[in-house]
Amino acid sequence: MTKEAFLTQLGYSVTDSLLTQLERVKNKTVSFDLISRHIISLNDNLKHYDSFVALSNSHDFLKIKNQSSGELLAQVNELINAWAKKYKIALEKVSGKETFYIRGYAKTE
């Protein structure tokens, strides 16, 4: 998938600055090309819960933002963790927030 297509699938306009940022994300995310289609699929599923995948403003990673509330909050976190386990993707939870950084493919021995 091209960088332009990836940005569009996440709902971004294609600009030079976003293409540059995505290139940094790709370089820092382990096996980005291997997991990129799974990231798009997760984003599509999260839209139903007012949540999404986005470029982080503070780190060169994609982030998963869980904006649901009430009992849906826990269900969406379960959905995110099940997705990560299924596709062997390493996540880093942001302390005090319902946000996860996508670190990349988590190789298992």
N, C-alpha and C. Protein backbone atom coordinates (compact mmCIF):
# COMPACT_ATOMS: atom_id res chain seq x y z
N MET A 1 0.85 -1.17 0.00
CA MET A 1 0.00 0.00 0.00
C MET A 1 0.91 1.24 0.00
N THR A 2 0.56 2.21 -0.82
CA THR A 2 1.35 3.43 -0.88
C THR A 2 1.12 4.28 0.37
N LYS A 3 2.05 5.17 0.63
CA LYS A 3 1.90 6.08 1.76
C LYS A 3 0.66 6.96 1.58
N GLU A 4 0.41 7.38 0.35
CA GLU A 4 -0.75 8.23 0.07
C GLU A 4 -2.05 7.48 0.38
N ALA A 5 -2.12 6.23 -0.06
CA ALA A 5 -3.31 5.42 0.20
C ALA A 5 -3.49 5.18 1.69
N PHE A 6 -2.40 4.93 2.39
CA PHE A 6 -2.47 4.69 3.84
C PHE A 6 -3.03 5.91 4.56
N LEU A 7 -2.50 7.08 4.24
CA LEU A 7 -2.99 8.31 4.87
C LEU A 7 -4.47 8.53 4.57
N THR A 8 -4.86 8.31 3.34
CA THR A 8 -6.25 8.50 2.95
C THR A 8 -7.17 7.54 3.70
N GLN A 9 -6.73 6.29 3.86
CA GLN A 9 -7.54 5.30 4.59
C GLN A 9 -7.73 5.70 6.06
N LEU A 10 -6.77 6.43 6.61
CA LEU A 10 -6.90 6.90 7.99
C LEU A 10 -7.66 8.22 8.09
N GLY A 11 -8.05 8.78 6.94
CA GLY A 11 -8.84 9.99 6.94
C GLY A 11 -8.04 11.28 6.83
N TYR A 12 -6.76 11.17 6.50
CA TYR A 12 -5.92 12.35 6.35
C TYR A 12 -5.91 12.83 4.90
N SER A 13 -5.67 14.12 4.73
CA SER A 13 -5.34 14.66 3.41
C SER A 13 -3.87 14.36 3.16
N VAL A 14 -3.51 14.21 1.92
CA VAL A 14 -2.12 13.91 1.60
C VAL A 14 -1.36 15.24 1.43
N THR A 15 -0.42 15.47 2.34
CA THR A 15 0.44 16.66 2.27
C THR A 15 1.89 16.20 2.40
N ASP A 16 2.81 17.05 1.99
CA ASP A 16 4.22 16.71 2.09
C ASP A 16 4.63 16.47 3.54
N SER A 17 4.12 17.28 4.46
CA SER A 17 4.51 17.11 5.88
C SER A 17 3.98 15.79 6.45
N LEU A 18 2.76 15.40 6.07
CA LEU A 18 2.23 14.13 6.56
C LEU A 18 2.94 12.94 5.91
N LEU A 19 3.32 13.06 4.65
CA LEU A 19 4.08 11.99 4.00
C LEU A 19 5.44 11.82 4.68
N THR A 20 6.06 12.94 5.05
CA THR A 20 7.35 12.88 5.75
C THR A 20 7.17 12.26 7.13
N GLN A 21 6.12 12.65 7.83
CA GLN A 21 5.85 12.08 9.16
C GLN A 21 5.58 10.58 9.05
N LEU A 22 4.79 10.18 8.07
CA LEU A 22 4.50 8.76 7.90
C LEU A 22 5.77 7.98 7.57
N GLU A 23 6.66 8.55 6.82
CA GLU A 23 7.94 7.88 6.50
C GLU A 23 8.73 7.65 7.79
N ARG A 24 8.74 8.62 8.69
CA ARG A 24 9.42 8.44 9.99
C ARG A 24 8.75 7.33 10.80
N VAL A 25 7.41 7.30 10.78
CA VAL A 25 6.66 6.26 11.48
C VAL A 25 7.01 4.89 10.91
N LYS A 26 7.01 4.78 9.59
CA LYS A 26 7.35 3.50 8.93
C LYS A 26 8.73 3.02 9.33
N ASN A 27 9.70 3.95 9.38
CA ASN A 27 11.07 3.59 9.72
C ASN A 27 11.23 3.16 11.17
N LYS A 28 10.38 3.65 12.04
CA LYS A 28 10.49 3.35 13.47
C LYS A 28 9.61 2.17 13.90
N THR A 29 8.61 1.82 13.10
CA THR A 29 7.68 0.75 13.44
C THR A 29 8.18 -0.56 12.85
N VAL A 30 8.40 -1.55 13.70
CA VAL A 30 8.93 -2.84 13.26
C VAL A 30 7.98 -3.49 12.26
N SER A 31 8.51 -3.81 11.08
CA SER A 31 7.77 -4.51 10.01
C SER A 31 6.47 -3.78 9.64
N PHE A 32 6.56 -2.48 9.50
CA PHE A 32 5.37 -1.67 9.19
C PHE A 32 4.61 -2.21 7.97
N ASP A 33 5.33 -2.52 6.91
CA ASP A 33 4.65 -2.98 5.69
C ASP A 33 3.88 -4.28 5.91
N LEU A 34 4.36 -5.11 6.81
CA LEU A 34 3.70 -6.37 7.12
C LEU A 34 2.38 -6.16 7.85
N ILE A 35 2.31 -5.14 8.69
CA ILE A 35 1.12 -4.95 9.53
C ILE A 35 0.21 -3.81 9.08
N SER A 36 0.59 -3.06 8.06
CA SER A 36 -0.17 -1.86 7.68
C SER A 36 -1.63 -2.16 7.33
N ARG A 37 -1.89 -3.24 6.63
CA ARG A 37 -3.29 -3.54 6.27
C ARG A 37 -4.12 -3.89 7.51
N HIS A 38 -3.49 -4.49 8.52
CA HIS A 38 -4.19 -4.81 9.76
C HIS A 38 -4.52 -3.52 10.54
N ILE A 39 -3.65 -2.53 10.42
CA ILE A 39 -3.89 -1.24 11.07
C ILE A 39 -5.11 -0.57 10.46
N ILE A 40 -5.21 -0.61 9.14
CA ILE A 40 -6.36 -0.02 8.45
C ILE A 40 -7.64 -0.74 8.85
N SER A 41 -7.58 -2.04 8.92
CA SER A 41 -8.75 -2.84 9.32
C SER A 41 -9.19 -2.48 10.74
N LEU A 42 -8.23 -2.35 11.65
CA LEU A 42 -8.56 -1.95 13.02
C LEU A 42 -9.22 -0.58 13.03
N ASN A 43 -8.66 0.37 12.29
CA ASN A 43 -9.23 1.71 12.25
C ASN A 43 -10.67 1.67 11.77
N ASP A 44 -10.95 0.88 10.75
CA ASP A 44 -12.32 0.76 10.25
C ASP A 44 -13.26 0.22 11.33
N ASN A 45 -12.79 -0.76 12.10
CA ASN A 45 -13.61 -1.32 13.18
C ASN A 45 -13.81 -0.33 14.33
N LEU A 46 -12.78 0.44 14.64
CA LEU A 46 -12.86 1.38 15.76
C LEU A 46 -13.80 2.55 15.49
N LYS A 47 -14.02 2.89 14.25
CA LYS A 47 -14.91 4.01 13.91
C LYS A 47 -16.29 3.83 14.51
N HIS A 48 -16.74 2.59 14.64
CA HIS A 48 -18.06 2.30 15.20
C HIS A 48 -18.15 2.65 16.68
N TYR A 49 -16.99 2.84 17.31
CA TYR A 49 -16.94 3.11 18.75
C TYR A 49 -16.37 4.51 19.04
N ASP A 50 -16.40 5.39 18.06
CA ASP A 50 -15.88 6.74 18.22
C ASP A 50 -14.40 6.72 18.59
N SER A 51 -13.66 5.76 18.05
CA SER A 51 -12.24 5.62 18.31
C SER A 51 -11.53 5.49 16.96
N PHE A 52 -10.19 5.58 16.97
CA PHE A 52 -9.49 5.62 15.69
C PHE A 52 -7.99 5.39 15.85
N VAL A 53 -7.33 5.19 14.70
CA VAL A 53 -5.88 5.14 14.62
C VAL A 53 -5.43 6.46 14.00
N ALA A 54 -4.36 7.05 14.54
CA ALA A 54 -3.90 8.36 14.05
C ALA A 54 -2.38 8.45 14.16
N LEU A 55 -1.83 9.42 13.48
CA LEU A 55 -0.42 9.75 13.65
C LEU A 55 -0.27 10.47 14.98
N SER A 56 0.73 10.10 15.74
CA SER A 56 0.99 10.78 17.01
C SER A 56 1.62 12.14 16.75
N ASN A 57 1.23 13.13 17.54
CA ASN A 57 1.84 14.45 17.43
C ASN A 57 3.16 14.54 18.18
N SER A 58 3.39 13.62 19.12
CA SER A 58 4.56 13.75 19.97
C SER A 58 5.63 12.66 19.75
N HIS A 59 5.26 11.56 19.06
CA HIS A 59 6.20 10.46 18.82
C HIS A 59 6.04 9.98 17.39
N ASP A 60 7.08 9.38 16.86
CA ASP A 60 7.02 8.85 15.49
C ASP A 60 6.43 7.45 15.49
N PHE A 61 5.19 7.36 15.96
CA PHE A 61 4.42 6.13 15.96
C PHE A 61 2.98 6.45 15.61
N LEU A 62 2.27 5.42 15.18
CA LEU A 62 0.82 5.54 15.09
C LEU A 62 0.26 5.30 16.47
N LYS A 63 -0.87 5.91 16.75
CA LYS A 63 -1.50 5.68 18.05
C LYS A 63 -2.93 5.23 17.83
N ILE A 64 -3.40 4.44 18.77
CA ILE A 64 -4.80 4.01 18.80
C ILE A 64 -5.45 4.81 19.91
N LYS A 65 -6.46 5.56 19.57
CA LYS A 65 -7.14 6.43 20.53
C LYS A 65 -8.53 5.86 20.81
N ASN A 66 -8.73 5.40 22.04
CA ASN A 66 -10.03 4.86 22.46
C ASN A 66 -10.81 6.00 23.12
N GLN A 67 -11.79 6.52 22.41
CA GLN A 67 -12.59 7.64 22.92
C GLN A 67 -13.97 7.22 23.39
N SER A 68 -14.21 5.92 23.48
CA SER A 68 -15.52 5.48 23.96
C SER A 68 -15.62 5.71 25.45
N SER A 69 -16.81 5.55 25.99
CA SER A 69 -17.01 5.81 27.40
C SER A 69 -17.89 4.72 28.00
N GLY A 70 -18.01 4.76 29.32
CA GLY A 70 -18.84 3.79 30.02
C GLY A 70 -18.35 2.38 29.83
N GLU A 71 -19.28 1.44 29.72
CA GLU A 71 -18.88 0.03 29.58
C GLU A 71 -18.26 -0.25 28.21
N LEU A 72 -18.51 0.61 27.24
CA LEU A 72 -17.88 0.44 25.93
C LEU A 72 -16.36 0.62 26.00
N LEU A 73 -15.89 1.43 26.93
CA LEU A 73 -14.46 1.69 27.07
C LEU A 73 -13.69 0.39 27.25
N ALA A 74 -14.12 -0.44 28.17
CA ALA A 74 -13.45 -1.71 28.43
C ALA A 74 -13.58 -2.65 27.23
N GLN A 75 -14.75 -2.66 26.60
CA GLN A 75 -14.95 -3.53 25.43
C GLN A 75 -14.02 -3.14 24.28
N VAL A 76 -13.84 -1.85 24.06
CA VAL A 76 -12.96 -1.40 22.98
C VAL A 76 -11.51 -1.72 23.34
N ASN A 77 -11.12 -1.56 24.59
CA ASN A 77 -9.77 -1.95 24.99
C ASN A 77 -9.54 -3.44 24.77
N GLU A 78 -10.55 -4.25 25.05
CA GLU A 78 -10.46 -5.70 24.79
C GLU A 78 -10.31 -5.96 23.30
N LEU A 79 -11.08 -5.25 22.49
CA LEU A 79 -10.99 -5.40 21.04
C LEU A 79 -9.59 -5.04 20.55
N ILE A 80 -9.03 -3.96 21.06
CA ILE A 80 -7.68 -3.53 20.68
C ILE A 80 -6.65 -4.57 21.08
N ASN A 81 -6.74 -5.06 22.31
CA ASN A 81 -5.77 -6.07 22.78
C ASN A 81 -5.91 -7.39 22.05
N ALA A 82 -7.13 -7.80 21.71
CA ALA A 82 -7.34 -9.03 20.94
C ALA A 82 -6.76 -8.87 19.54
N TRP A 83 -6.94 -7.71 18.94
CA TRP A 83 -6.37 -7.42 17.62
C TRP A 83 -4.84 -7.53 17.67
N ALA A 84 -4.24 -6.92 18.68
CA ALA A 84 -2.78 -6.95 18.82
C ALA A 84 -2.27 -8.37 19.00
N LYS A 85 -2.97 -9.14 19.80
CA LYS A 85 -2.56 -10.53 20.04
C LYS A 85 -2.70 -11.36 18.76
N LYS A 86 -3.81 -11.20 18.06
CA LYS A 86 -4.07 -11.97 16.84
C LYS A 86 -2.99 -11.73 15.79
N TYR A 87 -2.59 -10.48 15.60
CA TYR A 87 -1.64 -10.14 14.55
C TYR A 87 -0.21 -9.96 15.08
N LYS A 88 0.00 -10.30 16.36
CA LYS A 88 1.32 -10.23 16.98
C LYS A 88 1.93 -8.83 16.87
N ILE A 89 1.15 -7.85 17.32
CA ILE A 89 1.58 -6.46 17.26
C ILE A 89 1.84 -5.94 18.66
N ALA A 90 3.01 -5.37 18.84
CA ALA A 90 3.39 -4.81 20.14
C ALA A 90 2.76 -3.43 20.31
N LEU A 91 2.09 -3.26 21.43
CA LEU A 91 1.48 -1.97 21.79
C LEU A 91 2.14 -1.43 23.04
N GLU A 92 2.14 -0.11 23.16
CA GLU A 92 2.60 0.54 24.38
C GLU A 92 1.47 1.43 24.88
N LYS A 93 0.95 1.13 26.06
CA LYS A 93 -0.14 1.93 26.62
C LYS A 93 0.42 3.23 27.18
N VAL A 94 -0.25 4.32 26.88
CA VAL A 94 0.13 5.62 27.41
C VAL A 94 -0.45 5.73 28.81
N SER A 95 0.39 6.02 29.77
CA SER A 95 -0.03 6.10 31.16
C SER A 95 -1.12 7.16 31.36
N GLY A 96 -2.19 6.75 32.00
CA GLY A 96 -3.27 7.67 32.35
C GLY A 96 -4.21 8.01 31.21
N LYS A 97 -4.04 7.39 30.05
CA LYS A 97 -4.89 7.68 28.90
C LYS A 97 -5.34 6.37 28.26
N GLU A 98 -6.41 6.45 27.50
CA GLU A 98 -6.88 5.29 26.75
C GLU A 98 -6.30 5.36 25.34
N THR A 99 -4.98 5.40 25.30
CA THR A 99 -4.23 5.52 24.06
C THR A 99 -3.12 4.49 24.05
N PHE A 100 -2.86 3.92 22.87
CA PHE A 100 -1.82 2.92 22.70
C PHE A 100 -0.96 3.30 21.51
N TYR A 101 0.36 3.22 21.65
CA TYR A 101 1.25 3.39 20.50
C TYR A 101 1.45 2.03 19.85
N ILE A 102 1.43 2.01 18.53
CA ILE A 102 1.70 0.79 17.78
C ILE A 102 3.21 0.73 17.55
N ARG A 103 3.89 -0.18 18.23
CA ARG A 103 5.35 -0.29 18.15
C ARG A 103 5.80 -1.15 16.98
N GLY A 104 4.93 -2.05 16.53
CA GLY A 104 5.28 -2.87 15.38
C GLY A 104 5.02 -4.34 15.62
N TYR A 105 5.47 -5.12 14.67
CA TYR A 105 5.32 -6.56 14.73
C TYR A 105 6.15 -7.11 15.88
N ALA A 106 5.52 -7.91 16.72
CA ALA A 106 6.21 -8.51 17.87
C ALA A 106 6.60 -9.93 17.50
N LYS A 107 7.82 -10.10 17.10
CA LYS A 107 8.29 -11.43 16.68
C LYS A 107 8.25 -12.37 17.87
N THR A 108 7.74 -13.56 17.63
CA THR A 108 7.72 -14.58 18.68
C THR A 108 8.64 -15.71 18.27
N GLU A 109 9.29 -16.27 19.23
CA GLU A 109 10.25 -17.36 18.97
C GLU A 109 9.53 -18.67 18.85
